[in-house]
């Protein structure tokens, strides 16, 4: 059986569902759709979005700040169990993680922290340090430990917005962004460790070093029209599932957000 999984950072679910581009959801033949940066609680959404016909819907929303963060998963079949957030209190409350347990694999949908604003010195000059990078790195370490525990029982599928471009090929202007959060050495080093731990970037597995393939473009300076983007949205699978990957793709013809959907087809 082949299972189709799709992930999309919608950058505000209420906003994107009000746009014509949301017809994408009605047309998808995916078995599971994972959304990030929903910026909403279920109660704030129309019934057709909160409980779409033919889908089971699961939510993890921010409780620390309204209109912030948040993830959702829509599944055509009932998972065995659903869990939200990491177990550590310091990483709870922002609605960044959903874990659906299926018979053949654990499915994680994450909206991982970004590095935040750059800190300024006493003279108001940039320091090269970013406010949330330490928190971001701690979150990733806790996440890796978390999925490694569940990996003992079943393989892992992880999707979402990682807020990291792993390699120079994963962004249009690597040299200009070596000091930008999302491409800092310590951030990229985590994805080195993640892949060394046995998690496979499925897009690269299928497409190799294909250039110019991105999933996020800044709203500034017509970046998307010029394809000045970053690939920061991923599907990773633990090594045990690598041979089961049948396809992986980027739906860069889908609009409505500053991100586009990414997908994975697995034989299970």
Protein backbone atom coordinates (compact mmCIF):
# COMPACT_ATOMS: atom_id res chain seq x y z
CA UNK A 1 0.00 0.00 0.00
CA UNK A 2 1.25 3.47 -0.83
CA UNK A 3 0.65 6.33 1.59
CA UNK A 4 0.83 9.94 0.45
CA UNK A 5 1.83 12.55 3.03
CA UNK A 6 1.89 16.33 2.49
CA UNK A 7 3.18 19.17 4.68
CA UNK A 8 2.54 22.92 4.34
CA UNK A 9 3.43 25.95 6.43
CA UNK A 10 0.32 28.03 5.74
CA UNK A 11 1.48 31.14 7.65
CA UNK A 12 -1.98 31.71 9.11
CA UNK A 13 -4.74 29.17 8.49
CA UNK A 14 -7.56 31.70 8.76
CA UNK A 15 -5.88 33.84 6.12
CA UNK A 16 -5.10 31.03 3.66
CA UNK A 17 -8.54 29.41 3.91
CA UNK A 18 -10.07 32.73 2.85
CA UNK A 19 -8.06 32.65 -0.38
CA UNK A 20 -8.90 30.79 -3.61
CA UNK A 21 -5.65 28.87 -3.21
CA UNK A 22 -7.18 26.81 -0.39
CA UNK A 23 -8.92 24.73 -3.07
CA UNK A 24 -5.61 22.85 -2.92
CA UNK A 25 -6.89 21.05 0.19
CA UNK A 26 -10.14 19.99 -1.47
CA UNK A 27 -8.23 18.54 -4.42
CA UNK A 28 -5.44 16.73 -2.56
CA UNK A 29 -5.34 12.97 -2.71
CA UNK A 30 -3.02 12.80 0.30
CA UNK A 31 -3.76 10.41 3.16
CA UNK A 32 -2.27 12.81 5.71
CA UNK A 33 -1.96 16.60 5.52
CA UNK A 34 0.24 18.35 8.09
CA UNK A 35 0.06 22.12 8.54
CA UNK A 36 2.37 24.46 10.39
CA UNK A 37 2.07 28.04 11.62
CA UNK A 38 -1.71 27.78 11.79
CA UNK A 39 -1.86 30.81 14.13
CA UNK A 40 -5.30 29.75 15.32
CA UNK A 41 -7.21 27.58 17.74
CA UNK A 42 -9.86 25.23 16.32
CA UNK A 43 -12.61 27.38 17.84
CA UNK A 44 -11.54 30.30 15.64
CA UNK A 45 -12.09 28.35 12.43
CA UNK A 46 -15.14 27.54 10.33
CA UNK A 47 -16.59 24.06 10.72
CA UNK A 48 -15.45 23.09 7.22
CA UNK A 49 -11.85 23.83 8.23
CA UNK A 50 -11.99 22.60 11.81
CA UNK A 51 -13.67 19.30 10.92
CA UNK A 52 -13.47 18.76 7.15
CA UNK A 53 -15.62 15.95 5.85
CA UNK A 54 -13.74 12.71 5.39
CA UNK A 55 -10.86 13.71 7.68
CA UNK A 56 -9.88 13.31 11.31
CA UNK A 57 -8.42 16.60 12.55
CA UNK A 58 -5.86 17.10 15.33
CA UNK A 59 -4.55 20.38 16.69
CA UNK A 60 -1.82 21.83 18.87
CA UNK A 61 -2.18 25.59 19.31
CA UNK A 62 -0.16 28.20 21.13
CA UNK A 63 -1.36 29.06 24.61
CA UNK A 64 1.45 31.52 25.37
CA UNK A 65 0.50 33.98 22.64
CA UNK A 66 -2.60 34.25 20.45
CA UNK A 67 -2.20 34.18 16.70
CA UNK A 68 1.22 32.53 16.98
CA UNK A 69 2.75 29.23 15.92
CA UNK A 70 0.45 26.17 15.97
CA UNK A 71 0.28 22.91 14.03
CA UNK A 72 -2.52 20.68 12.73
CA UNK A 73 -2.78 17.26 11.11
CA UNK A 74 -5.64 15.97 8.98
CA UNK A 75 -5.75 12.21 8.50
CA UNK A 76 -8.11 10.07 6.45
CA UNK A 77 -7.64 7.18 8.90
CA UNK A 78 -7.67 7.05 12.68
CA UNK A 79 -4.21 6.95 14.29
CA UNK A 80 -3.59 4.60 17.17
CA UNK A 81 -2.69 7.52 19.42
CA UNK A 82 -2.10 11.27 19.23
CA UNK A 83 0.30 13.27 21.39
CA UNK A 84 1.15 16.96 21.41
CA UNK A 85 4.31 18.84 22.36
CA UNK A 86 7.63 17.64 23.76
CA UNK A 87 7.61 16.23 27.30
CA UNK A 88 9.80 18.98 28.78
CA UNK A 89 7.84 21.90 30.25
CA UNK A 90 10.23 24.48 28.78
CA UNK A 91 9.24 23.40 25.26
CA UNK A 92 5.49 23.35 25.81
CA UNK A 93 2.85 25.99 25.19
CA UNK A 94 3.79 27.19 21.69
CA UNK A 95 1.94 24.45 19.80
CA UNK A 96 4.95 23.24 17.85
CA UNK A 97 4.57 19.47 17.63
CA UNK A 98 2.00 16.76 16.93
CA UNK A 99 2.77 13.04 17.02
CA UNK A 100 0.38 10.59 15.38
CA UNK A 101 1.12 6.93 15.88
CA UNK A 102 0.14 4.72 12.96
CA UNK A 103 0.53 0.91 12.77
CA UNK A 104 3.65 1.06 10.57
CA UNK A 105 5.35 4.32 11.64
CA UNK A 106 5.39 7.28 14.01
CA UNK A 107 4.44 10.52 12.28
CA UNK A 108 5.73 13.85 13.65
CA UNK A 109 4.60 17.24 12.38
CA UNK A 110 6.78 20.09 13.66
CA UNK A 111 6.91 23.83 13.40
CA UNK A 112 10.40 24.22 14.76
CA UNK A 113 11.52 27.51 16.36
CA UNK A 114 13.20 30.20 14.32
CA UNK A 115 16.21 32.13 15.53
CA UNK A 116 14.34 35.33 16.28
CA UNK A 117 15.61 38.87 15.89
CA UNK A 118 19.31 39.73 15.89
CA UNK A 119 20.56 41.19 19.16
CA UNK A 120 22.05 44.69 19.20
CA UNK A 121 24.95 45.99 21.26
CA UNK A 122 24.86 49.10 23.46
CA UNK A 123 25.42 51.28 20.40
CA UNK A 124 22.55 49.68 18.51
CA UNK A 125 24.80 47.71 16.18
CA UNK A 126 24.10 44.09 15.18
CA UNK A 127 26.01 41.52 17.24
CA UNK A 128 25.62 38.46 15.03
CA UNK A 129 23.70 36.75 17.86
CA UNK A 130 20.04 35.90 17.57
CA UNK A 131 17.66 35.95 20.51
CA UNK A 132 16.09 32.52 20.10
CA UNK A 133 18.92 30.48 18.60
CA UNK A 134 19.89 28.98 22.00
CA UNK A 135 16.26 27.96 22.59
CA UNK A 136 16.02 26.65 19.04
CA UNK A 137 19.06 24.43 19.46
CA UNK A 138 17.85 23.07 22.81
CA UNK A 139 14.48 22.32 21.23
CA UNK A 140 16.13 20.36 18.41
CA UNK A 141 18.27 18.34 20.84
CA UNK A 142 15.20 17.48 22.92
CA UNK A 143 13.31 16.55 19.78
CA UNK A 144 16.06 14.20 18.58
CA UNK A 145 16.11 12.41 21.93
CA UNK A 146 12.32 12.22 21.83
CA UNK A 147 12.04 10.61 18.39
CA UNK A 148 14.92 8.25 19.10
CA UNK A 149 12.88 6.76 21.97
CA UNK A 150 9.88 6.16 19.71
CA UNK A 151 12.12 4.83 16.96
CA UNK A 152 12.74 1.79 19.17
CA UNK A 153 9.16 0.67 18.50
CA UNK A 154 8.56 1.76 14.88
CA UNK A 155 10.23 3.80 12.14
CA UNK A 156 9.91 7.59 12.13
CA UNK A 157 8.49 10.07 9.63
CA UNK A 158 9.17 13.74 10.45
CA UNK A 159 7.83 16.64 8.44
CA UNK A 160 7.46 20.35 8.85
CA UNK A 161 9.17 23.70 8.81
CA UNK A 162 12.63 23.17 10.30
CA UNK A 163 13.67 26.80 9.81
CA UNK A 164 17.08 25.58 8.62
CA UNK A 165 18.54 25.32 5.13
CA UNK A 166 20.88 22.38 5.49
CA UNK A 167 23.37 22.90 2.67
CA UNK A 168 24.42 25.69 0.30
CA UNK A 169 22.31 24.07 -2.42
CA UNK A 170 19.23 24.58 -0.23
CA UNK A 171 19.09 28.35 -0.60
CA UNK A 172 19.54 30.73 -3.49
CA UNK A 173 22.16 32.98 -1.88
CA UNK A 174 24.26 31.00 0.58
CA UNK A 175 27.25 33.35 0.66
CA UNK A 176 25.09 36.33 1.56
CA UNK A 177 23.39 34.39 4.37
CA UNK A 178 26.25 32.73 6.25
CA UNK A 179 25.49 34.99 9.22
CA UNK A 180 21.70 34.74 8.94
CA UNK A 181 19.64 32.59 11.26
CA UNK A 182 18.41 29.57 9.36
CA UNK A 183 21.87 29.07 7.85
CA UNK A 184 24.13 29.52 10.87
CA UNK A 185 26.85 26.91 11.38
CA UNK A 186 25.31 25.59 14.60
CA UNK A 187 21.89 25.25 12.96
CA UNK A 188 23.27 23.39 9.97
CA UNK A 189 25.38 21.25 12.29
CA UNK A 190 22.22 19.97 13.94
CA UNK A 191 20.92 18.71 10.59
CA UNK A 192 24.32 17.08 10.05
CA UNK A 193 23.83 15.26 13.36
CA UNK A 194 20.22 14.46 12.55
CA UNK A 195 21.14 12.81 9.26
CA UNK A 196 24.13 11.05 10.84
CA UNK A 197 21.72 9.62 13.41
CA UNK A 198 19.93 7.92 10.53
CA UNK A 199 17.29 10.38 9.33
CA UNK A 200 17.09 10.67 5.56
CA UNK A 201 16.16 13.84 3.67
CA UNK A 202 13.67 12.28 1.28
CA UNK A 203 13.73 15.07 -1.29
CA UNK A 204 17.49 14.70 -1.71
CA UNK A 205 17.13 10.91 -1.68
CA UNK A 206 14.85 11.11 -4.72
CA UNK A 207 16.20 14.16 -6.54
CA UNK A 208 19.88 14.23 -5.59
CA UNK A 209 21.59 17.61 -5.87
CA UNK A 210 18.91 19.23 -7.99
CA UNK A 211 19.35 22.99 -7.76
CA UNK A 212 16.87 25.82 -7.46
CA UNK A 213 14.27 23.86 -5.49
CA UNK A 214 12.94 25.84 -2.55
CA UNK A 215 9.91 25.82 -0.25
CA UNK A 216 10.00 29.34 1.25
CA UNK A 217 10.42 32.77 -0.30
CA UNK A 218 10.43 36.10 1.50
CA UNK A 219 7.51 38.35 0.72
CA UNK A 220 10.06 41.10 0.08
CA UNK A 221 11.48 42.14 -3.30
CA UNK A 222 9.39 39.69 -5.36
CA UNK A 223 11.62 36.87 -4.11
CA UNK A 224 9.26 34.12 -5.24
CA UNK A 225 8.93 35.45 -8.77
CA UNK A 226 12.74 35.50 -8.94
CA UNK A 227 13.01 32.12 -7.16
CA UNK A 228 15.26 33.58 -4.47
CA UNK A 229 14.22 31.04 -1.88
CA UNK A 230 15.19 28.62 0.85
CA UNK A 231 14.38 24.92 1.26
CA UNK A 232 13.49 24.77 4.94
CA UNK A 233 10.45 22.45 4.79
CA UNK A 234 11.31 18.76 4.86
CA UNK A 235 10.19 15.17 5.05
CA UNK A 236 12.73 13.02 6.86
CA UNK A 237 12.36 9.29 7.44
CA UNK A 238 14.45 7.11 9.70
CA UNK A 239 16.85 4.92 7.78
CA UNK A 240 14.60 1.86 8.20
CA UNK A 241 12.06 3.46 5.83
CA UNK A 242 14.49 4.76 3.18
CA UNK A 243 13.84 1.82 0.84
CA UNK A 244 10.10 2.45 1.16
CA UNK A 245 10.29 5.96 -0.31
CA UNK A 246 8.55 6.00 -3.69
CA UNK A 247 8.54 9.73 -4.35
CA UNK A 248 9.21 13.11 -2.75
CA UNK A 249 8.35 16.48 -4.19
CA UNK A 250 7.91 20.24 -3.74
CA UNK A 251 4.62 21.79 -4.89
CA UNK A 252 6.08 25.17 -5.80
CA UNK A 253 3.13 25.92 -8.08
CA UNK A 254 0.85 26.20 -5.01
CA UNK A 255 0.41 29.72 -3.64
CA UNK A 256 -1.43 31.24 -0.68
CA UNK A 257 1.51 31.36 1.75
CA UNK A 258 5.17 32.35 1.69
CA UNK A 259 5.82 28.59 1.89
CA UNK A 260 4.61 25.91 -0.51
CA UNK A 261 3.62 22.31 0.25
CA UNK A 262 6.12 19.45 0.21
CA UNK A 263 5.23 15.79 -0.11
CA UNK A 264 6.26 12.19 0.36
CA UNK A 265 4.95 8.88 -0.97
CA UNK A 266 5.77 5.78 1.08
CA UNK A 267 5.21 2.08 0.48
CA UNK A 268 4.05 0.60 3.78
